Protein backbone atom coordinates (compact mmCIF):
# COMPACT_ATOMS: atom_id res chain seq x y z
CA MET A 1 -11.98 -7.64 32.64
CA ASP A 2 -10.76 -5.10 35.09
CA ALA A 3 -8.21 -4.07 32.37
CA LEU A 4 -10.77 -3.82 29.91
CA LEU A 5 -13.30 -1.77 32.01
CA THR A 6 -10.09 0.68 32.99
CA ALA A 7 -9.40 0.85 29.18
CA SER A 8 -13.02 1.72 28.19
CA ARG A 9 -13.04 4.63 30.92
CA LEU A 10 -9.83 6.01 29.56
CA ILE A 11 -11.10 5.92 25.81
CA LEU A 12 -14.50 7.31 27.07
CA ASP A 13 -13.00 10.65 28.39
CA PRO A 14 -14.13 13.60 26.27
CA TYR A 15 -10.46 14.85 25.78
CA VAL A 16 -9.47 11.57 24.23
CA LEU A 17 -12.67 11.27 22.35
CA TRP A 18 -11.97 14.86 20.89
CA VAL A 19 -8.57 13.77 19.92
CA ILE A 20 -9.53 10.81 18.38
CA THR A 21 -11.91 12.74 15.88
CA ALA A 22 -9.78 15.62 15.25
CA SER A 23 -6.86 13.08 14.13
CA ALA A 24 -9.62 11.43 12.09
CA ALA A 25 -10.21 14.33 9.95
CA PHE A 26 -6.47 15.28 10.06
CA GLY A 27 -5.53 11.68 8.64
CA MET A 28 -8.40 12.14 6.06
CA PHE A 29 -6.71 15.37 4.61
CA VAL A 30 -3.31 14.16 4.71
CA GLY A 31 -3.98 10.76 2.88
CA ALA A 32 -6.48 12.47 0.17
CA MET A 33 -3.64 15.00 -0.60
CA PRO A 34 -1.43 13.28 -3.34
CA GLY A 35 2.32 13.04 -2.32
CA LEU A 36 1.44 13.30 1.59
CA THR A 37 1.72 9.45 3.16
CA ALA A 38 0.06 7.79 6.02
CA THR A 39 3.70 7.52 7.44
CA MET A 40 3.91 11.37 7.25
CA ALA A 41 0.35 11.74 8.92
CA THR A 42 1.98 9.70 11.67
CA ALA A 43 5.32 11.54 11.73
CA LEU A 44 3.73 15.05 12.04
CA LEU A 45 1.88 13.75 15.06
CA VAL A 46 4.94 12.75 16.85
CA PRO A 47 5.72 16.28 18.26
CA VAL A 48 1.80 16.77 19.37
CA THR A 49 2.11 13.67 21.26
CA PHE A 50 4.73 14.82 23.35
CA PHE A 51 2.10 16.56 25.22
CA MET A 52 -0.30 13.92 25.94
CA ASP A 53 -0.91 10.94 27.96
CA PRO A 54 -0.18 7.43 26.38
CA VAL A 55 -3.76 6.68 25.71
CA PRO A 56 -4.79 9.95 23.39
CA ALA A 57 -1.45 9.63 22.03
CA LEU A 58 -1.70 5.85 20.66
CA GLY A 59 -5.35 7.18 19.89
CA ALA A 60 -4.21 10.23 17.37
CA ILE A 61 -1.83 8.15 15.82
CA VAL A 62 -3.91 4.98 15.36
CA THR A 63 -6.80 6.69 13.91
CA ALA A 64 -4.99 9.26 11.76
CA THR A 65 -3.39 6.37 10.32
CA ALA A 66 -6.15 4.47 9.46
CA MET A 67 -8.12 7.33 7.91
CA ALA A 68 -5.15 8.18 5.66
CA ILE A 69 -4.76 4.71 4.39
CA PHE A 70 -8.53 4.63 3.02
CA ALA A 71 -8.37 8.22 1.90
CA GLY A 72 -5.67 7.69 -0.79
CA ASP A 73 -8.14 5.94 -2.67
CA ILE A 74 -10.20 9.04 -3.31
CA PRO A 75 -7.73 10.53 -5.55
CA ALA A 76 -6.71 7.65 -6.99
CA ALA A 77 -10.31 7.35 -8.69
CA LEU A 78 -11.01 11.18 -9.22
CA LEU A 79 -7.79 12.16 -10.73
CA ARG A 80 -5.75 8.50 -10.94
CA ILE A 81 -3.23 9.91 -8.32
CA PRO A 82 -2.76 7.44 -5.32
CA GLY A 83 -3.02 9.51 -2.26
CA THR A 84 -1.14 6.80 -0.25
CA PRO A 85 1.35 3.90 -1.75
CA ALA A 86 -1.12 1.52 -0.23
CA SER A 87 -3.75 2.96 -2.97
CA ALA A 88 -0.95 2.72 -5.79
CA ALA A 89 -1.61 -1.00 -6.44
CA TYR A 90 -4.98 -0.47 -7.91
CA THR A 91 -5.12 3.18 -8.83
CA ASP A 92 -5.36 1.95 -12.49
CA GLU A 93 -8.04 -0.08 -12.17
CA SER A 94 -9.96 2.39 -9.64
CA TYR A 95 -9.40 5.00 -12.29
CA ALA A 96 -10.44 3.32 -15.35
CA MET A 97 -13.42 2.13 -13.49
CA SER A 98 -14.50 5.84 -12.91
CA LYS A 99 -14.11 6.74 -16.31
CA LYS A 100 -16.52 4.07 -17.45
CA GLY A 101 -19.47 6.32 -15.37
CA GLN A 102 -19.05 4.22 -12.05
CA LEU A 103 -17.36 6.82 -9.82
CA ASP A 104 -20.08 6.20 -7.08
CA LEU A 105 -19.70 2.48 -6.89
CA ASN A 106 -15.95 2.74 -7.29
CA LEU A 107 -15.92 5.21 -4.25
CA GLY A 108 -18.74 3.11 -2.04
CA VAL A 109 -17.01 -0.27 -2.28
CA ASN A 110 -13.53 1.54 -1.43
CA LEU A 111 -14.72 3.12 1.96
CA VAL A 112 -17.52 0.09 2.93
CA PHE A 113 -14.47 -2.51 2.20
CA SER A 114 -11.87 -0.44 4.03
CA VAL A 115 -13.97 -0.42 7.22
CA LEU A 116 -14.81 -3.75 6.83
CA GLY A 117 -10.91 -4.80 5.98
CA GLY A 118 -10.32 -2.64 9.37
CA PHE A 119 -12.73 -4.80 11.40
CA VAL A 120 -11.15 -8.08 10.09
CA GLY A 121 -8.01 -6.73 10.98
CA VAL A 122 -8.43 -5.86 14.54
CA ALA A 123 -10.45 -8.95 15.20
CA ILE A 124 -7.50 -11.10 14.30
CA LEU A 125 -5.35 -8.54 16.24
CA ILE A 126 -7.08 -9.08 19.24
CA VAL A 127 -7.59 -12.88 19.07
CA CYS A 128 -4.35 -13.98 17.41
CA ALA A 129 -1.76 -11.49 18.20
CA PRO A 130 0.60 -13.93 20.24
CA ALA A 131 0.25 -17.07 17.83
CA LEU A 132 0.70 -14.72 14.83
CA ALA A 133 3.34 -12.80 16.12
CA GLU A 134 5.20 -16.32 16.78
CA VAL A 135 4.95 -17.24 13.07
CA ALA A 136 6.38 -13.85 12.01
CA ILE A 137 9.36 -13.67 14.32
CA ASN A 138 10.38 -17.28 12.40
CA PHE A 139 10.99 -15.40 9.49
CA SER A 140 14.80 -14.98 8.68
CA SER A 141 16.45 -13.53 5.48
CA PHE A 142 15.42 -16.88 3.47
CA GLU A 143 11.97 -16.48 4.24
CA TYR A 144 12.04 -12.69 3.23
CA PHE A 145 13.92 -13.27 0.22
CA TRP A 146 11.16 -15.66 -1.32
CA LEU A 147 8.62 -13.40 -0.27
CA ALA A 148 10.09 -10.45 -2.14
CA LEU A 149 10.57 -12.61 -5.16
CA LEU A 150 6.84 -13.83 -4.63
CA GLY A 151 5.71 -10.29 -4.70
CA LEU A 152 7.85 -9.31 -7.86
CA THR A 153 6.42 -12.20 -9.50
CA CYS A 154 2.77 -10.76 -8.98
CA ALA A 155 4.02 -8.01 -11.57
CA VAL A 156 3.42 -10.31 -14.16
CA PHE A 157 -0.35 -10.57 -12.98
CA MET A 158 -0.54 -7.01 -13.09
CA THR A 159 0.09 -6.42 -16.51
CA SER A 160 -2.25 -6.13 -19.62
CA ASP A 161 -2.28 -7.85 -22.66
CA VAL A 162 1.62 -7.61 -23.12
CA PRO A 163 3.15 -9.56 -19.90
CA LEU A 164 6.67 -8.65 -21.90
CA LYS A 165 6.36 -5.09 -21.30
CA GLY A 166 5.22 -5.60 -17.66
CA ILE A 167 8.47 -7.48 -17.09
CA THR A 168 10.34 -4.76 -18.93
CA SER A 169 8.83 -2.29 -16.52
CA LEU A 170 9.56 -4.21 -13.36
CA LEU A 171 13.12 -4.76 -14.58
CA PHE A 172 13.58 -0.90 -14.66
CA GLY A 173 12.22 -0.80 -11.55
CA LEU A 174 14.69 -3.26 -9.85
CA ALA A 175 17.44 -1.04 -11.72
CA ILE A 176 16.83 2.34 -10.58
CA ASN A 177 16.44 0.79 -7.29
CA CYS A 178 20.41 -0.48 -7.38
CA ILE A 179 21.50 3.23 -7.70
CA GLY A 180 22.86 4.39 -4.21
CA ILE A 181 24.81 2.23 -1.89
CA ASP A 182 25.36 -1.25 -2.06
CA PRO A 183 23.89 -2.71 0.91
CA ALA A 184 26.61 -5.48 1.25
CA ALA A 185 29.89 -4.08 0.52
CA GLY A 186 28.92 -0.50 0.91
CA TYR A 187 30.08 0.73 -2.31
CA PRO A 188 28.40 3.54 -4.30
CA ARG A 189 26.77 2.28 -7.61
CA PHE A 190 25.60 4.28 -10.66
CA THR A 191 25.82 7.34 -8.59
CA PHE A 192 28.34 8.95 -11.24
CA GLY A 193 29.94 11.14 -8.23
CA SER A 194 26.59 12.58 -7.40
CA VAL A 195 26.19 13.18 -3.74
CA GLU A 196 22.53 13.31 -3.83
CA LEU A 197 22.34 9.74 -5.55
CA LEU A 198 24.00 8.15 -2.55
CA GLN A 199 20.63 7.71 -1.36
CA GLY A 200 19.42 6.12 -4.12
CA ILE A 201 16.04 6.72 -5.54
CA SER A 202 13.24 7.81 -2.76
CA PHE A 203 10.27 5.58 -3.57
CA ILE A 204 7.43 8.48 -2.43
CA PRO A 205 9.05 11.35 -4.87
CA ALA A 206 9.40 8.41 -7.65
CA MET A 207 5.90 7.35 -6.92
CA ILE A 208 4.54 11.00 -7.07
CA GLY A 209 6.23 11.48 -10.26
CA MET A 210 5.32 8.37 -12.02
CA PHE A 211 1.66 8.47 -11.19
CA ALA A 212 0.83 11.82 -10.45
CA LEU A 213 3.37 14.26 -12.72
CA SER A 214 2.58 11.69 -15.29
CA GLU A 215 -1.04 12.17 -15.16
CA LEU A 216 -1.03 15.99 -15.11
CA LEU A 217 1.31 15.76 -18.28
CA ARG A 218 -1.24 14.01 -20.00
CA GLY A 219 -4.02 15.90 -18.74
CA MET A 220 -2.28 18.50 -20.53
CA VAL A 221 -1.36 16.97 -23.88
CA HIS A 222 -4.90 14.89 -23.84
CA ALA A 223 -7.06 17.31 -22.38
CA ASP A 224 -10.23 16.27 -24.14
CA ALA A 225 -9.73 12.41 -22.84
CA GLN A 226 -9.66 13.67 -19.37
CA GLY A 227 -13.08 14.92 -19.15
CA ALA A 228 -15.06 11.76 -18.34
CA VAL A 229 -14.35 11.66 -14.55
CA ILE A 230 -14.17 15.59 -14.19
CA ALA A 231 -17.75 16.04 -15.43
CA GLN A 232 -19.35 13.29 -13.11
CA LYS A 233 -21.16 14.27 -9.96
CA ILE A 234 -21.09 12.13 -6.75
CA GLY A 235 -24.45 10.87 -5.94
CA ASN A 236 -25.11 7.77 -3.37
CA ILE A 237 -22.21 6.03 -2.84
CA PHE A 238 -23.58 3.01 -1.24
CA SER A 239 -25.96 1.94 -3.98
CA GLY A 240 -25.14 -1.34 -5.40
CA VAL A 241 -22.34 -1.81 -2.49
CA PHE A 242 -24.36 -4.83 -1.13
CA GLY A 243 -24.59 -6.47 -4.55
CA VAL A 244 -20.92 -6.51 -4.92
CA PHE A 245 -20.31 -7.87 -1.24
CA LYS A 246 -22.62 -10.48 -2.09
CA ARG A 247 -20.91 -11.42 -5.31
CA TYR A 248 -17.24 -10.90 -3.96
CA TRP A 249 -17.63 -11.46 -0.14
CA PHE A 250 -14.88 -14.56 -0.44
CA ASN A 251 -12.67 -11.58 -2.63
CA PHE A 252 -13.05 -9.89 0.72
CA LEU A 253 -12.23 -12.61 3.12
CA ARG A 254 -9.21 -13.48 1.15
CA GLY A 255 -7.88 -9.93 0.85
CA SER A 256 -8.42 -9.50 4.35
CA ALA A 257 -6.61 -12.30 5.44
CA ILE A 258 -3.79 -11.77 3.05
CA GLY A 259 -3.41 -8.25 4.69
CA VAL A 260 -3.14 -9.52 8.06
CA LEU A 261 -0.94 -12.11 7.10
CA ILE A 262 1.43 -9.71 5.31
CA GLY A 263 1.03 -6.83 7.74
CA ALA A 264 2.30 -8.97 10.57
CA LEU A 265 5.53 -9.62 8.69
CA PRO A 266 8.08 -7.05 10.16
CA GLY A 267 8.87 -4.71 7.18
CA ALA A 268 6.10 -5.63 4.80
CA GLY A 269 3.05 -3.21 5.30
CA ALA A 270 -0.37 -2.17 3.87
CA ASP A 271 1.29 -1.25 0.50
CA ILE A 272 2.84 -4.56 -0.39
CA ALA A 273 -0.24 -6.31 0.89
CA ALA A 274 -2.26 -4.32 -1.50
CA TRP A 275 -0.04 -5.28 -4.51
CA ILE A 276 0.02 -8.91 -3.56
CA SER A 277 -3.85 -9.18 -3.02
CA PHE A 278 -4.38 -7.34 -6.52
CA ALA A 279 -2.33 -9.84 -7.94
CA VAL A 280 -3.89 -12.64 -6.30
CA SER A 281 -7.27 -11.75 -7.06
CA LYS A 282 -6.56 -10.95 -10.96
CA ARG A 283 -4.64 -14.78 -10.87
CA PHE A 284 -7.69 -16.56 -9.86
CA SER A 285 -10.57 -14.01 -10.98
CA LYS A 286 -12.87 -16.36 -13.31
CA GLU A 287 -12.52 -12.76 -15.46
CA PRO A 288 -9.01 -11.95 -15.72
CA GLU A 289 -9.72 -10.48 -18.93
CA LYS A 290 -11.50 -7.43 -17.04
CA PHE A 291 -8.75 -6.62 -14.94
CA GLY A 292 -7.46 -3.12 -16.46
CA THR A 293 -11.01 -2.15 -17.73
CA GLY A 294 -12.44 -0.77 -14.31
CA HIS A 295 -13.39 -4.27 -12.89
CA ILE A 296 -14.68 -4.10 -9.35
CA GLU A 297 -13.03 -7.62 -8.15
CA GLY A 298 -9.41 -6.70 -7.93
CA ILE A 299 -10.48 -3.22 -5.84
CA VAL A 300 -12.64 -5.16 -3.35
CA ASP A 301 -9.43 -7.40 -2.66
CA ALA A 302 -6.48 -4.71 -2.29
CA THR A 303 -8.69 -2.17 -0.55
CA SER A 304 -9.42 -5.08 1.87
CA ALA A 305 -6.13 -6.10 2.31
CA ASN A 306 -4.37 -2.66 2.66
CA ASN A 307 -6.80 -1.57 5.39
CA SER A 308 -6.27 -5.05 7.53
CA ALA A 309 -2.65 -4.92 7.12
CA LEU A 310 -2.78 -2.12 9.91
CA GLY A 311 -4.18 -4.25 12.66
CA GLY A 312 -1.56 -7.15 11.49
CA ALA A 313 1.00 -4.83 11.78
CA TRP A 314 0.44 -4.39 14.94
CA ILE A 315 1.05 -7.82 16.02
CA PRO A 316 5.17 -7.84 16.13
CA ALA A 317 5.04 -4.34 17.41
CA LEU A 318 3.12 -4.77 20.40
CA VAL A 319 4.12 -8.95 21.11
CA PHE A 320 7.71 -8.16 20.36
CA GLY A 321 8.42 -4.60 19.94
CA ILE A 322 9.44 -5.33 16.38
CA PRO A 323 7.70 -2.88 13.79
CA GLY A 324 5.49 -4.47 11.39
CA ASP A 325 6.01 -1.17 8.95
CA SER A 326 7.39 2.13 9.19
CA ILE A 327 4.22 3.48 10.98
CA THR A 328 4.50 1.06 13.88
CA ALA A 329 8.19 1.95 13.73
CA ILE A 330 7.28 5.63 15.26
CA VAL A 331 4.79 3.91 17.17
CA ILE A 332 7.41 1.87 19.02
CA GLY A 333 9.24 5.10 19.52
CA VAL A 334 6.41 6.70 20.79
CA LEU A 335 5.53 4.08 23.13
CA TYR A 336 8.93 3.98 24.85
CA MET A 337 8.70 7.75 25.06
CA LYS A 338 5.66 7.16 27.13
CA GLY A 339 7.63 4.79 29.18
CA MET A 340 5.61 1.74 27.72
CA ASN A 341 8.71 -0.86 26.53
CA PRO A 342 6.83 -2.92 24.01
CA GLY A 343 6.84 -6.31 24.18
CA PRO A 344 5.54 -9.26 26.10
CA THR A 345 5.88 -7.66 29.38
CA VAL A 346 3.82 -5.25 28.14
CA PHE A 347 0.46 -7.57 28.32
CA LEU A 348 1.61 -7.89 31.97
CA GLN A 349 2.47 -4.40 33.24
CA ASN A 350 0.01 -2.37 31.13
CA PRO A 351 -2.79 -4.44 29.79
CA GLN A 352 -4.83 -1.38 29.89
CA PHE A 353 -3.08 0.01 27.37
CA ILE A 354 -3.27 -2.70 24.90
CA TYR A 355 -6.87 -2.91 25.42
CA ALA A 356 -7.15 0.87 24.54
CA VAL A 357 -5.43 0.15 21.52
CA PHE A 358 -8.29 -2.36 20.25
CA ILE A 359 -10.68 -0.14 21.29
CA ILE A 360 -9.40 2.91 19.68
CA PHE A 361 -8.95 0.66 16.33
CA ILE A 362 -12.74 -0.47 16.60
CA LEU A 363 -13.73 3.29 17.10
CA ALA A 364 -11.39 4.38 14.19
CA ASN A 365 -13.05 2.13 11.71
CA ILE A 366 -16.47 3.21 12.88
CA LEU A 367 -15.58 6.74 12.67
CA MET A 368 -14.30 6.23 9.10
CA LEU A 369 -17.50 5.34 7.51
CA PRO A 370 -18.88 9.07 8.04
CA LEU A 371 -16.03 10.98 7.89
CA GLY A 372 -15.22 9.06 4.58
CA TRP A 373 -18.54 9.91 3.03
CA ILE A 374 -18.03 13.66 4.00
CA ALA A 375 -14.18 13.33 2.30
CA ILE A 376 -15.80 11.89 -0.58
CA LYS A 377 -18.72 14.51 -0.84
CA GLY A 378 -16.14 17.17 -0.65
CA GLY A 379 -14.44 15.26 -3.86
CA LYS A 380 -17.33 16.60 -5.64
CA GLN A 381 -16.15 20.11 -5.10
CA LEU A 382 -12.89 19.11 -6.35
CA LEU A 383 -14.32 17.94 -9.47
CA ARG A 384 -16.06 21.28 -10.08
CA VAL A 385 -12.72 23.37 -9.93
CA PRO A 386 -11.47 24.45 -13.32
CA ARG A 387 -8.62 22.43 -14.85
CA ASN A 388 -6.41 25.54 -15.17
CA VAL A 389 -6.61 26.13 -11.34
CA LEU A 390 -6.89 22.35 -10.26
CA LEU A 391 -3.56 21.27 -12.12
CA PRO A 392 -1.36 23.74 -10.52
CA VAL A 393 -2.82 23.01 -7.35
CA ILE A 394 -2.05 19.31 -7.38
CA LEU A 395 1.33 20.02 -8.62
CA MET A 396 2.14 22.32 -5.80
CA PHE A 397 0.89 19.00 -3.37
CA CYS A 398 3.52 17.21 -5.37
CA LEU A 399 6.25 19.50 -5.11
CA VAL A 400 5.65 19.61 -1.39
CA GLY A 401 5.41 16.04 -0.90
CA SER A 402 8.38 15.28 -2.80
CA TYR A 403 10.42 17.93 -1.20
CA ALA A 404 9.20 16.66 2.40
CA MET A 405 10.56 13.41 1.87
CA THR A 406 14.13 14.12 1.38
CA ASN A 407 14.24 17.87 2.92
CA SER A 408 16.17 19.17 -0.34
CA ILE A 409 15.68 20.01 -3.97
CA TYR A 410 16.71 16.59 -4.96
CA GLY A 411 13.30 14.78 -4.07
CA VAL A 412 11.70 17.34 -6.29
CA ILE A 413 14.16 16.75 -9.38
CA MET A 414 13.64 13.13 -9.05
CA MET A 415 9.77 13.52 -8.90
CA VAL A 416 10.21 15.62 -12.39
CA VAL A 417 12.94 12.92 -13.66
CA MET A 418 10.36 10.01 -12.89
CA GLY A 419 7.39 11.76 -14.01
CA LEU A 420 8.43 12.26 -17.43
CA ILE A 421 10.06 8.65 -17.72
CA GLY A 422 6.59 7.44 -16.37
CA TRP A 423 4.61 9.74 -19.06
CA LEU A 424 7.02 8.74 -21.88
CA MET A 425 6.32 4.81 -20.55
CA GLU A 426 2.64 4.72 -20.66
CA GLU A 427 2.70 6.63 -24.26
CA HIS A 428 4.24 3.53 -25.48
CA GLY A 429 2.31 0.83 -23.74
CA PHE A 430 4.53 0.34 -20.79
CA PRO A 431 2.62 0.05 -17.30
CA ILE A 432 3.72 1.97 -14.44
CA ALA A 433 2.69 -0.41 -11.63
CA PRO A 434 5.52 -3.08 -12.46
CA ALA A 435 8.31 -0.41 -12.09
CA ILE A 436 6.71 0.72 -8.86
CA LEU A 437 6.72 -2.78 -7.41
CA GLY A 438 10.24 -3.02 -8.68
CA LEU A 439 11.18 -0.05 -6.33
CA VAL A 440 8.94 -1.02 -3.36
CA LEU A 441 10.19 -4.62 -3.17
CA GLY A 442 13.95 -4.21 -4.77
CA GLU A 443 15.78 -3.16 -1.80
CA MET A 444 14.10 -5.76 0.36
CA LEU A 445 14.83 -8.27 -2.07
CA GLU A 446 18.66 -7.55 -2.79
CA GLN A 447 19.39 -7.24 1.04
CA ASN A 448 17.87 -10.59 1.98
CA PHE A 449 19.57 -12.39 -0.94
CA MET A 450 22.92 -10.98 0.20
CA THR A 451 22.40 -11.78 3.68
CA SER A 452 21.15 -14.97 3.01
CA MET A 453 24.18 -15.87 0.54
CA ILE A 454 26.63 -14.81 3.33
CA LYS A 455 24.81 -17.12 5.76
CA ALA A 456 24.84 -20.06 3.24
CA ASP A 457 28.53 -19.40 2.31
CA GLY A 458 26.84 -19.58 -1.49
CA ALA A 459 25.02 -22.79 -0.97
CA PHE A 460 21.73 -22.00 -2.78
CA ILE A 461 20.49 -25.19 -1.30
CA MET A 462 20.22 -23.60 2.36
CA PHE A 463 17.04 -21.54 0.59
CA PHE A 464 15.08 -24.66 0.99
CA GLU A 465 16.48 -25.92 4.21
CA ARG A 466 14.08 -24.19 6.44
CA PRO A 467 10.29 -25.38 6.28
CA ILE A 468 8.41 -22.03 5.69
CA ALA A 469 11.13 -20.79 3.18
CA ALA A 470 11.08 -23.73 1.18
CA THR A 471 7.26 -23.29 0.92
CA LEU A 472 7.49 -20.17 -0.34
CA GLY A 473 10.35 -20.97 -3.03
CA VAL A 474 8.65 -24.14 -3.92
CA MET A 475 5.59 -21.77 -4.34
CA THR A 476 7.42 -19.29 -6.42
CA LEU A 477 9.30 -21.89 -8.90
CA LEU A 478 5.72 -23.37 -9.33
CA ILE A 479 4.34 -20.16 -10.62
CA TRP A 480 7.30 -19.34 -12.46
CA GLY A 481 7.22 -23.01 -14.15
CA THR A 482 3.31 -22.46 -14.73
CA MET A 483 3.71 -19.35 -16.57
CA LEU A 484 6.66 -20.49 -18.85
CA TRP A 485 4.80 -23.92 -19.85
CA ARG A 486 1.35 -21.52 -20.87
CA GLY A 487 3.80 -19.38 -22.57
CA ILE A 488 5.35 -22.54 -24.61
CA ARG A 489 1.96 -24.25 -25.12
CA GLY A 490 0.49 -20.87 -26.46
CA ARG A 491 2.99 -20.35 -29.03
CA PRO A 492 2.18 -22.73 -31.67
CA ALA A 493 -1.34 -21.84 -31.16
CA THR A 494 -0.52 -18.41 -31.71
CA LEU A 495 2.01 -19.03 -34.90
CA GLY A 496 -0.53 -21.18 -36.46
CA GLU A 497 -3.51 -18.84 -36.45
CA ALA A 498 -1.06 -16.01 -37.90
CA ALA A 499 0.12 -18.50 -40.84
CA PRO A 500 -1.74 -17.66 -43.77
CA ALA A 501 -3.91 -20.22 -45.33
CA PRO A 502 -2.39 -22.58 -48.26
């Protein structure tokens, strides 16, 4: 109780409250700008935290990150451009819903369920941090291999009516992920003598290109088809949200639970949590045929997951000093800089700072509701901007975001190339989301597979010897078997329907 009271006094300092509020506005702006990520918002704040005490420094990072993750939903709904990678999983669904005239409900659900998911994440962080961290620390390369493979399997559930095109898109994402240095042998692959390609295909420029630039190209080619969302006005965004909660409360709980569990795994993060949660939502939905047409169910799952994953990612970071994602990796550096060595001893030596983090998370989610409402209303002004002005401005942010991730023109070139490829893919009916998923999980899959094969000396049976790895492996193989069985069972019926009557 003494530590909690001390933490409360530290947080209620006017200077700390001002830092939290300013960081919230900054995070909301960065997240809403296509090409600027939550990780970038965190990194930009690090130089500022040099001059702060530990509590305001942590407050700035926690608040900006939480706001940026939600704010990425706004351009996804308005323009089909995810503001952050954590929003990429359900960008198509969100945009399709907006085109149906449900922009208000779409943004309202994103905001409210982001707040609720954030509260679930911080509640589990407070109550279950040691237990969940103990589970996460037991993950070896075998478990991560199966987790990545299970995540890639989700691509089949994200596709539309032609799973083969979704698998092709996924394989394309995995193929371009092989460009660069071999993680096991250190040998260049598919670089064709280019020094820039040695670093591989950077995920952020690729995502910006395939989502943002391809959408800009589509907007120029099919100008008339893009007017539906642009013409809408934003009204009462909270109307109908309670009805969505009453119908999909289980999806909210499931998505939040998945988010916390995935977030607690070192290296996973909010974007992977959103992909997996969205795929699980479609797989177990009673109305899977509505996905891809603007269905709110998958959005509830995924937006709850990526916000709850933030709290989960702090579990291994605080308890064991292991970053749960790229954001907490930066946070750990800040903690060391402030003389706070993350790990079990921090709970004994500086418990007031741990309680301060918990309180900041709660304040950040409370602030998200009014600031998110203001940001969404600001989107109304964005819709009023003429397209010949809006599209170049969006392109400018895309160029800035791509250049900032690589500090060279290579990022811009990669963004343009991937944008053209993304546009051609969608013009021919190939979905983009599985290719992005292949880029997200491809490196994780390959590195852990090679590490595991070295450990096992080529004996594949060792992939099933550990209990958690065996569970994930059997789960993945069962999903594959079920999909193959359904495909084989459905083929004769399809052929019978197509055969001419005698």
